[in-house]
Amino acid sequence: MNKHFSTTGIVIRKVDFGEADRIVTVLTEDMGKIDCIAKGARRLKSRFCGRLELFSEIQITCYQGQSLACLNEAHLIDGFPDVKETDRHRVLFYIAELTHRLIQDQQQIEGVYPLLHETINHLKEENKTDVILHTYLVKLLTLSGFLSPWNQCATCNETLNIEHPIHLGDDANVICQSCSNAAHRRIEAPLIKWVNFMQHYPLPNTLKVQVNEKDHQSVWLWLQGVLGNLLSTPMKSESFLQSVA
C-alpha cells in the first residue's frame, strides 16, 4: 500500500479511541477492508463531522502509518437516510458486523464491495428486509469461498439432479447421494432451489420471488448453523434480528 492513498469505501464499523479520536473500518472499492484513525473526529467542530457515519459511502484520502492509516480527508458521497423503521437498521448492523468479521484486513474479494453497495441501496427503498438479508449472506459466503455452488456436489463436483436425494454435508454444503452417509441429513428441494437462486441471480431478481414463511425459516436456521461453525464467538447484533430473520 502506498504511503498516501485515496479510495472510495463504505463505513462498516467505528470505535471511539482516546479522548477525541475514532477508528473507522471501511470496506473499500479497490483495497479491501482497511482501518483508519480519524484524529479529533469526536470533537464538535471536527472536519469529519457527519461524514463517518455507519453505512455511508465516502471518498477518503489517507496516510499509511505503521499500523493504522491516518485519515486526512473524507468526502461524503452518499449516506443512509435517518429513517424511523428499525427493521432496516437491525439488518444493516448485522450485515456490517458480519462483513467485518468474515473479511480480513486488506483482503480484497472480488464482488463484495458492489454487493454491499447494492444491498444498502435496496434497503433504502425495499421492505423485504428478510429476503435482502438472506440474499446478502448467501452471496457473501459464496464470494468469500465458504459456500460452494448449490447446483453441484461439494465433494465430487457432479451436477446435482433435484429429482434425486440431496444431503447436507459436514461443512453445510450440499452433497449427492453417493457422497453422503447415514450422518448426513437430507434436505428438501425447495430449500436447495432457493439457495441456488440467491447464489446465481442478482438481488433485484430475488426480490421478485414469493417465498413462503417455511422456506424463510429453513434458510435462516441453515445460515445460523453455517455462521456458528465459521465464527468463534456469537454475533453481537444477532439479538436485534429476532423480529426480522
C-alpha atoms as a PDB file:
ATOM      1  CA  MET A   1       0.000   0.000   0.000  1.00  0.00           C
ATOM      2  CA  ASN A   2       1.339   3.485  -0.886  1.00  0.00           C
ATOM      3  CA  LYS A   3       2.112   5.907   1.944  1.00  0.00           C
ATOM      4  CA  HIS A   4      -0.504   8.322   0.630  1.00  0.00           C
ATOM      5  CA  PHE A   5      -3.595   6.885  -0.994  1.00  0.00           C
ATOM      6  CA  SER A   6      -7.158   7.759  -1.938  1.00  0.00           C
ATOM      7  CA  THR A   7     -10.059   5.376  -2.352  1.00  0.00           C
ATOM      8  CA  THR A   8     -13.822   5.021  -2.096  1.00  0.00           C
ATOM      9  CA  GLY A   9     -15.459   2.889   0.566  1.00  0.00           C
ATOM     10  CA  ILE A  10     -18.384   2.181   2.866  1.00  0.00           C
ATOM     11  CA  VAL A  11     -18.109   2.599   6.635  1.00  0.00           C
ATOM     12  CA  ILE A  12     -18.885  -0.703   8.360  1.00  0.00           C
ATOM     13  CA  ARG A  13     -17.516  -0.054  11.857  1.00  0.00           C
ATOM     14  CA  LYS A  14     -16.451   2.804  14.096  1.00  0.00           C
ATOM     15  CA  VAL A  15     -14.844   2.672  17.537  1.00  0.00           C
ATOM     16  CA  ASP A  16     -14.005   5.546  19.875  1.00  0.00           C
ATOM     17  CA  PHE A  17     -10.286   5.863  20.589  1.00  0.00           C
ATOM     18  CA  GLY A  18      -8.592   8.056  23.161  1.00  0.00           C
ATOM     19  CA  GLU A  19     -10.224  11.301  24.206  1.00  0.00           C
ATOM     20  CA  ALA A  20     -11.367  12.604  20.832  1.00  0.00           C
ATOM     21  CA  ASP A  21     -10.298  10.205  18.073  1.00  0.00           C
ATOM     22  CA  ARG A  22     -12.214   7.499  16.260  1.00  0.00           C
ATOM     23  CA  ILE A  23     -11.095   4.346  14.446  1.00  0.00           C
ATOM     24  CA  VAL A  24     -13.196   3.746  11.352  1.00  0.00           C
ATOM     25  CA  THR A  25     -13.301   0.487   9.383  1.00  0.00           C
ATOM     26  CA  VAL A  26     -14.014   0.987   5.703  1.00  0.00           C
ATOM     27  CA  LEU A  27     -14.753  -1.663   3.085  1.00  0.00           C
ATOM     28  CA  THR A  28     -13.135  -0.094   0.045  1.00  0.00           C
ATOM     29  CA  GLU A  29     -13.749  -0.459  -3.640  1.00  0.00           C
ATOM     30  CA  ASP A  30     -10.194  -1.453  -4.569  1.00  0.00           C
ATOM     31  CA  MET A  31      -8.159  -2.079  -1.391  1.00  0.00           C
ATOM     32  CA  GLY A  32     -10.300  -4.454   0.655  1.00  0.00           C
ATOM     33  CA  LYS A  33     -11.075  -3.711   4.291  1.00  0.00           C
ATOM     34  CA  ILE A  34      -8.944  -1.054   5.988  1.00  0.00           C
ATOM     35  CA  ASP A  35      -8.860   0.615   9.407  1.00  0.00           C
ATOM     36  CA  CYS A  36      -8.340   4.380   9.580  1.00  0.00           C
ATOM     37  CA  ILE A  37      -7.831   6.624  12.565  1.00  0.00           C
ATOM     38  CA  ALA A  38      -9.659   9.947  12.335  1.00  0.00           C
ATOM     39  CA  LYS A  39      -7.894  12.379  14.649  1.00  0.00           C
ATOM     40  CA  GLY A  40     -10.288  14.616  16.584  1.00  0.00           C
ATOM     41  CA  ALA A  41     -13.355  13.078  14.871  1.00  0.00           C
ATOM     42  CA  ARG A  42     -15.436  13.271  18.069  1.00  0.00           C
ATOM     43  CA  ARG A  43     -14.953  16.999  18.564  1.00  0.00           C
ATOM     44  CA  LEU A  44     -17.944  19.200  17.752  1.00  0.00           C
ATOM     45  CA  LYS A  45     -16.045  21.219  15.167  1.00  0.00           C
ATOM     46  CA  SER A  46     -14.246  18.269  13.593  1.00  0.00           C
ATOM     47  CA  ARG A  47     -13.810  18.395   9.824  1.00  0.00           C
ATOM     48  CA  PHE A  48     -15.131  14.814   9.784  1.00  0.00           C
ATOM     49  CA  CYS A  49     -18.433  15.719  11.414  1.00  0.00           C
ATOM     50  CA  GLY A  50     -21.326  13.853   9.720  1.00  0.00           C
ATOM     51  CA  ARG A  51     -19.022  12.150   7.221  1.00  0.00           C
ATOM     52  CA  LEU A  52     -18.080   8.950   9.035  1.00  0.00           C
ATOM     53  CA  GLU A  53     -21.473   7.524   9.932  1.00  0.00           C
ATOM     54  CA  LEU A  54     -22.101   3.812   9.545  1.00  0.00           C
ATOM     55  CA  PHE A  55     -23.141   2.666   6.048  1.00  0.00           C
ATOM     56  CA  SER A  56     -22.044   5.970   4.479  1.00  0.00           C
ATOM     57  CA  GLU A  57     -20.210   5.831   1.172  1.00  0.00           C
ATOM     58  CA  ILE A  58     -17.182   8.122   1.356  1.00  0.00           C
ATOM     59  CA  GLN A  59     -14.159   9.212  -0.650  1.00  0.00           C
ATOM     60  CA  ILE A  60     -11.122   9.184   1.631  1.00  0.00           C
ATOM     61  CA  THR A  61      -7.514  10.346   1.484  1.00  0.00           C
ATOM     62  CA  CYS A  62      -5.135   8.713   3.957  1.00  0.00           C
ATOM     63  CA  TYR A  63      -1.531   8.390   5.028  1.00  0.00           C
ATOM     64  CA  GLN A  64      -0.474   4.856   5.911  1.00  0.00           C
ATOM     65  CA  GLY A  65       1.141   4.693   9.343  1.00  0.00           C
ATOM     66  CA  GLN A  66       2.923   1.730  10.946  1.00  0.00           C
ATOM     67  CA  SER A  67      -0.334   0.025  11.926  1.00  0.00           C
ATOM     68  CA  LEU A  68      -3.319   2.222  11.053  1.00  0.00           C
ATOM     69  CA  ALA A  69      -3.993   4.535   8.152  1.00  0.00           C
ATOM     70  CA  CYS A  70      -4.346   8.162   9.251  1.00  0.00           C
ATOM     71  CA  LEU A  71      -7.422   9.773   7.717  1.00  0.00           C
ATOM     72  CA  ASN A  72      -6.642  13.165   6.188  1.00  0.00           C
ATOM     73  CA  GLU A  73      -9.839  13.900   4.270  1.00  0.00           C
ATOM     74  CA  ALA A  74     -13.281  12.338   3.957  1.00  0.00           C
ATOM     75  CA  HIS A  75     -15.939  13.439   1.498  1.00  0.00           C
ATOM     76  CA  LEU A  76     -19.459  12.090   1.802  1.00  0.00           C
ATOM     77  CA  ILE A  77     -20.783  10.553  -1.414  1.00  0.00           C
ATOM     78  CA  ASP A  78     -23.975   9.032  -0.054  1.00  0.00           C
ATOM     79  CA  GLY A  79     -25.393   8.355   3.391  1.00  0.00           C
ATOM     80  CA  PHE A  80     -28.096   6.082   4.712  1.00  0.00           C
ATOM     81  CA  PRO A  81     -31.284   8.065   5.420  1.00  0.00           C
ATOM     82  CA  ASP A  82     -32.349   8.610   9.010  1.00  0.00           C
ATOM     83  CA  VAL A  83     -35.493   6.502   8.691  1.00  0.00           C
ATOM     84  CA  LYS A  84     -37.696   5.516  11.603  1.00  0.00           C
ATOM     85  CA  GLU A  85     -38.107   1.863  10.577  1.00  0.00           C
ATOM     86  CA  THR A  86     -35.872  -0.110  12.921  1.00  0.00           C
ATOM     87  CA  ASP A  87     -36.008  -3.295  10.810  1.00  0.00           C
ATOM     88  CA  ARG A  88     -33.699  -1.783   8.206  1.00  0.00           C
ATOM     89  CA  HIS A  89     -31.171  -0.709  10.793  1.00  0.00           C
ATOM     90  CA  ARG A  90     -31.220  -4.109  12.502  1.00  0.00           C
ATOM     91  CA  VAL A  91     -30.366  -5.720   9.175  1.00  0.00           C
ATOM     92  CA  LEU A  92     -27.674  -3.134   8.411  1.00  0.00           C
ATOM     93  CA  PHE A  93     -25.948  -3.558  11.779  1.00  0.00           C
ATOM     94  CA  TYR A  94     -25.925  -7.336  11.322  1.00  0.00           C
ATOM     95  CA  ILE A  95     -24.567  -7.050   7.774  1.00  0.00           C
ATOM     96  CA  ALA A  96     -21.874  -4.598   8.889  1.00  0.00           C
ATOM     97  CA  GLU A  97     -20.703  -6.786  11.775  1.00  0.00           C
ATOM     98  CA  LEU A  98     -20.648  -9.970   9.712  1.00  0.00           C
ATOM     99  CA  THR A  99     -18.795  -8.314   6.827  1.00  0.00           C
ATOM    100  CA  HIS A 100     -16.207  -7.004   9.277  1.00  0.00           C
ATOM    101  CA  ARG A 101     -15.715 -10.418  10.872  1.00  0.00           C
ATOM    102  CA  LEU A 102     -15.573 -12.529   7.717  1.00  0.00           C
ATOM    103  CA  ILE A 103     -13.203 -10.297   5.730  1.00  0.00           C
ATOM    104  CA  GLN A 104      -9.620  -9.914   6.882  1.00  0.00           C
ATOM    105  CA  ASP A 105      -7.716  -6.617   6.924  1.00  0.00           C
ATOM    106  CA  GLN A 106      -6.703  -5.532   3.397  1.00  0.00           C
ATOM    107  CA  GLN A 107      -8.345  -8.657   1.978  1.00  0.00           C
ATOM    108  CA  GLN A 108      -9.761  -7.838  -1.442  1.00  0.00           C
ATOM    109  CA  ILE A 109     -12.572 -10.189  -2.517  1.00  0.00           C
ATOM    110  CA  GLU A 110     -13.948  -9.531  -5.962  1.00  0.00           C
ATOM    111  CA  GLY A 111     -17.627  -8.698  -5.941  1.00  0.00           C
ATOM    112  CA  VAL A 112     -18.054  -7.975  -2.220  1.00  0.00           C
ATOM    113  CA  TYR A 113     -17.960  -4.177  -2.446  1.00  0.00           C
ATOM    114  CA  PRO A 114     -20.601  -3.906  -5.211  1.00  0.00           C
ATOM    115  CA  LEU A 115     -22.695  -6.477  -3.304  1.00  0.00           C
ATOM    116  CA  LEU A 116     -22.629  -4.359  -0.134  1.00  0.00           C
ATOM    117  CA  HIS A 117     -23.262  -1.170  -2.115  1.00  0.00           C
ATOM    118  CA  GLU A 118     -26.261  -2.683  -3.907  1.00  0.00           C
ATOM    119  CA  THR A 119     -27.657  -4.203  -0.703  1.00  0.00           C
ATOM    120  CA  ILE A 120     -27.548  -0.882   1.153  1.00  0.00           C
ATOM    121  CA  ASN A 121     -29.263   0.896  -1.739  1.00  0.00           C
ATOM    122  CA  HIS A 122     -32.073  -1.682  -1.834  1.00  0.00           C
ATOM    123  CA  LEU A 123     -32.539  -1.422   1.936  1.00  0.00           C
ATOM    124  CA  LYS A 124     -33.228   2.278   1.465  1.00  0.00           C
ATOM    125  CA  GLU A 125     -36.272   1.523  -0.679  1.00  0.00           C
ATOM    126  CA  GLU A 126     -37.438  -2.059  -0.179  1.00  0.00           C
ATOM    127  CA  ASN A 127     -39.452  -3.515   2.695  1.00  0.00           C
ATOM    128  CA  LYS A 128     -38.392  -7.136   2.092  1.00  0.00           C
ATOM    129  CA  THR A 129     -35.637  -6.945   4.679  1.00  0.00           C
ATOM    130  CA  ASP A 130     -35.586 -10.699   5.278  1.00  0.00           C
ATOM    131  CA  VAL A 131     -35.023 -11.507   1.586  1.00  0.00           C
ATOM    132  CA  ILE A 132     -32.336  -8.824   1.305  1.00  0.00           C
ATOM    133  CA  LEU A 133     -30.560 -10.122   4.411  1.00  0.00           C
ATOM    134  CA  HIS A 134     -30.641 -13.771   3.367  1.00  0.00           C
ATOM    135  CA  THR A 135     -29.519 -12.973  -0.172  1.00  0.00           C
ATOM    136  CA  TYR A 136     -26.614 -10.854   1.076  1.00  0.00           C
ATOM    137  CA  LEU A 137     -25.442 -13.584   3.462  1.00  0.00           C
ATOM    138  CA  VAL A 138     -25.644 -16.318   0.828  1.00  0.00           C
ATOM    139  CA  LYS A 139     -23.786 -14.212  -1.745  1.00  0.00           C
ATOM    140  CA  LEU A 140     -21.137 -13.051   0.764  1.00  0.00           C
ATOM    141  CA  LEU A 141     -20.458 -16.618   1.915  1.00  0.00           C
ATOM    142  CA  THR A 142     -20.214 -17.731  -1.711  1.00  0.00           C
ATOM    143  CA  LEU A 143     -17.893 -14.913  -2.801  1.00  0.00           C
ATOM    144  CA  SER A 144     -15.705 -15.487   0.277  1.00  0.00           C
ATOM    145  CA  GLY A 145     -15.302 -19.169  -0.578  1.00  0.00           C
ATOM    146  CA  PHE A 146     -17.145 -20.502   2.467  1.00  0.00           C
ATOM    147  CA  LEU A 147     -20.102 -21.763   0.443  1.00  0.00           C
ATOM    148  CA  SER A 148     -19.888 -23.931  -2.668  1.00  0.00           C
ATOM    149  CA  PRO A 149     -22.370 -23.589  -5.536  1.00  0.00           C
ATOM    150  CA  TRP A 150     -25.562 -25.394  -4.607  1.00  0.00           C
ATOM    151  CA  ASN A 151     -26.071 -26.736  -8.108  1.00  0.00           C
ATOM    152  CA  GLN A 152     -23.247 -29.258  -7.748  1.00  0.00           C
ATOM    153  CA  CYS A 153     -21.982 -31.734  -5.175  1.00  0.00           C
ATOM    154  CA  ALA A 154     -19.337 -30.157  -2.933  1.00  0.00           C
ATOM    155  CA  THR A 155     -17.447 -33.463  -2.772  1.00  0.00           C
ATOM    156  CA  CYS A 156     -17.416 -34.897  -6.301  1.00  0.00           C
ATOM    157  CA  ASN A 157     -18.413 -31.696  -8.195  1.00  0.00           C
ATOM    158  CA  GLU A 158     -21.083 -33.540 -10.168  1.00  0.00           C
ATOM    159  CA  THR A 159     -24.115 -31.506 -11.227  1.00  0.00           C
ATOM    160  CA  LEU A 160     -26.986 -32.218  -8.839  1.00  0.00           C
ATOM    161  CA  ASN A 161     -30.276 -33.657 -10.008  1.00  0.00           C
ATOM    162  CA  ILE A 162     -33.076 -32.197  -7.930  1.00  0.00           C
ATOM    163  CA  GLU A 163     -35.102 -35.364  -8.541  1.00  0.00           C
ATOM    164  CA  HIS A 164     -32.553 -37.433  -6.599  1.00  0.00           C
ATOM    165  CA  PRO A 165     -31.846 -37.288  -2.842  1.00  0.00           C
ATOM    166  CA  ILE A 166     -29.528 -34.436  -1.845  1.00  0.00           C
ATOM    167  CA  HIS A 167     -27.915 -34.125   1.579  1.00  0.00           C
ATOM    168  CA  LEU A 168     -26.261 -31.502   3.747  1.00  0.00           C
ATOM    169  CA  GLY A 169     -22.573 -32.216   4.229  1.00  0.00           C
ATOM    170  CA  ASP A 170     -20.425 -31.626   7.324  1.00  0.00           C
ATOM    171  CA  ASP A 171     -19.460 -28.131   6.107  1.00  0.00           C
ATOM    172  CA  ALA A 172     -23.086 -27.093   5.385  1.00  0.00           C
ATOM    173  CA  ASN A 173     -22.652 -27.540   1.636  1.00  0.00           C
ATOM    174  CA  VAL A 174     -24.773 -29.887  -0.456  1.00  0.00           C
ATOM    175  CA  ILE A 175     -23.628 -33.371  -1.454  1.00  0.00           C
ATOM    176  CA  CYS A 176     -25.143 -36.047  -3.652  1.00  0.00           C
ATOM    177  CA  GLN A 177     -26.490 -39.393  -2.519  1.00  0.00           C
ATOM    178  CA  SER A 178     -23.289 -41.224  -3.486  1.00  0.00           C
ATOM    179  CA  CYS A 179     -21.094 -38.957  -1.331  1.00  0.00           C
ATOM    180  CA  SER A 180     -23.371 -38.967   1.708  1.00  0.00           C
ATOM    181  CA  ASN A 181     -23.537 -41.255   4.724  1.00  0.00           C
ATOM    182  CA  ALA A 182     -26.037 -42.008   7.465  1.00  0.00           C
ATOM    183  CA  ALA A 183     -24.986 -38.926   9.456  1.00  0.00           C
ATOM    184  CA  HIS A 184     -25.878 -36.500   6.664  1.00  0.00           C
ATOM    185  CA  ARG A 185     -29.372 -35.007   6.721  1.00  0.00           C
ATOM    186  CA  ARG A 186     -31.420 -34.996   3.558  1.00  0.00           C
ATOM    187  CA  ILE A 187     -32.639 -31.535   2.578  1.00  0.00           C
ATOM    188  CA  GLU A 188     -35.779 -30.587   0.725  1.00  0.00           C
ATOM    189  CA  ALA A 189     -35.817 -29.460  -2.895  1.00  0.00           C
ATOM    190  CA  PRO A 190     -37.405 -26.002  -2.239  1.00  0.00           C
ATOM    191  CA  LEU A 191     -34.528 -25.021   0.055  1.00  0.00           C
ATOM    192  CA  ILE A 192     -31.951 -26.160  -2.500  1.00  0.00           C
ATOM    193  CA  LYS A 193     -33.672 -24.249  -5.297  1.00  0.00           C
ATOM    194  CA  TRP A 194     -33.957 -21.056  -3.225  1.00  0.00           C
ATOM    195  CA  VAL A 195     -30.330 -21.017  -2.031  1.00  0.00           C
ATOM    196  CA  ASN A 196     -29.150 -21.822  -5.543  1.00  0.00           C
ATOM    197  CA  PHE A 197     -31.289 -18.968  -6.893  1.00  0.00           C
ATOM    198  CA  MET A 198     -29.853 -16.492  -4.377  1.00  0.00           C
ATOM    199  CA  GLN A 199     -26.328 -17.572  -5.308  1.00  0.00           C
ATOM    200  CA  HIS A 200     -26.677 -17.164  -9.055  1.00  0.00           C
ATOM    201  CA  TYR A 201     -29.223 -14.396  -9.653  1.00  0.00           C
ATOM    202  CA  PRO A 202     -28.958 -10.646  -8.957  1.00  0.00           C
ATOM    203  CA  LEU A 203     -30.589  -9.213  -5.859  1.00  0.00           C
ATOM    204  CA  PRO A 204     -33.408  -7.465  -7.812  1.00  0.00           C
ATOM    205  CA  ASN A 205     -34.449 -10.888  -9.152  1.00  0.00           C
ATOM    206  CA  THR A 206     -34.648 -12.424  -5.672  1.00  0.00           C
ATOM    207  CA  LEU A 207     -36.891  -9.576  -4.520  1.00  0.00           C
ATOM    208  CA  LYS A 208     -39.456 -10.600  -7.143  1.00  0.00           C
ATOM    209  CA  VAL A 209     -39.743 -14.161  -5.821  1.00  0.00           C
ATOM    210  CA  GLN A 210     -42.554 -15.017  -3.433  1.00  0.00           C
ATOM    211  CA  VAL A 211     -41.054 -17.146  -0.670  1.00  0.00           C
ATOM    212  CA  ASN A 212     -43.228 -18.776   1.974  1.00  0.00           C
ATOM    213  CA  GLU A 213     -42.516 -18.471   5.694  1.00  0.00           C
ATOM    214  CA  LYS A 214     -41.371 -22.089   5.998  1.00  0.00           C
ATOM    215  CA  ASP A 215     -38.632 -21.583   3.407  1.00  0.00           C
ATOM    216  CA  HIS A 216     -37.585 -18.304   5.050  1.00  0.00           C
ATOM    217  CA  GLN A 217     -37.176 -20.079   8.389  1.00  0.00           C
ATOM    218  CA  SER A 218     -35.343 -23.031   6.801  1.00  0.00           C
ATOM    219  CA  VAL A 219     -32.818 -20.696   5.160  1.00  0.00           C
ATOM    220  CA  TRP A 220     -32.316 -18.701   8.343  1.00  0.00           C
ATOM    221  CA  LEU A 221     -31.762 -21.778  10.526  1.00  0.00           C
ATOM    222  CA  TRP A 222     -29.296 -23.150   7.992  1.00  0.00           C
ATOM    223  CA  LEU A 223     -27.445 -19.801   7.784  1.00  0.00           C
ATOM    224  CA  GLN A 224     -27.197 -19.642  11.573  1.00  0.00           C
ATOM    225  CA  GLY A 225     -25.612 -23.105  11.527  1.00  0.00           C
ATOM    226  CA  VAL A 226     -23.112 -22.075   8.845  1.00  0.00           C
ATOM    227  CA  LEU A 227     -22.111 -18.897  10.672  1.00  0.00           C
ATOM    228  CA  GLY A 228     -21.956 -20.707  14.000  1.00  0.00           C
ATOM    229  CA  ASN A 229     -19.316 -23.020  12.524  1.00  0.00           C
ATOM    230  CA  LEU A 230     -17.326 -20.157  10.994  1.00  0.00           C
ATOM    231  CA  LEU A 231     -17.288 -17.683  13.869  1.00  0.00           C
ATOM    232  CA  SER A 232     -15.559 -18.320  17.180  1.00  0.00           C
ATOM    233  CA  THR A 233     -17.986 -16.110  19.114  1.00  0.00           C
ATOM    234  CA  PRO A 234     -21.661 -15.205  18.528  1.00  0.00           C
ATOM    235  CA  MET A 235     -22.651 -12.106  16.598  1.00  0.00           C
ATOM    236  CA  LYS A 236     -23.342  -9.189  18.956  1.00  0.00           C
ATOM    237  CA  SER A 237     -26.033  -7.838  16.627  1.00  0.00           C
ATOM    238  CA  GLU A 238     -27.904 -11.149  16.309  1.00  0.00           C
ATOM    239  CA  SER A 239     -30.293 -10.341  19.153  1.00  0.00           C
ATOM    240  CA  PHE A 240     -31.556  -7.324  17.172  1.00  0.00           C
ATOM    241  CA  LEU A 241     -32.726  -9.582  14.375  1.00  0.00           C
ATOM    242  CA  GLN A 242     -35.341 -11.567  16.277  1.00  0.00           C
ATOM    243  CA  SER A 243     -38.240  -9.773  14.658  1.00  0.00           C
ATOM    244  CA  VAL A 244     -36.640  -9.741  11.193  1.00  0.00           C
ATOM    245  CA  ALA A 245     -34.918 -13.003  10.329  1.00  0.00           C
END
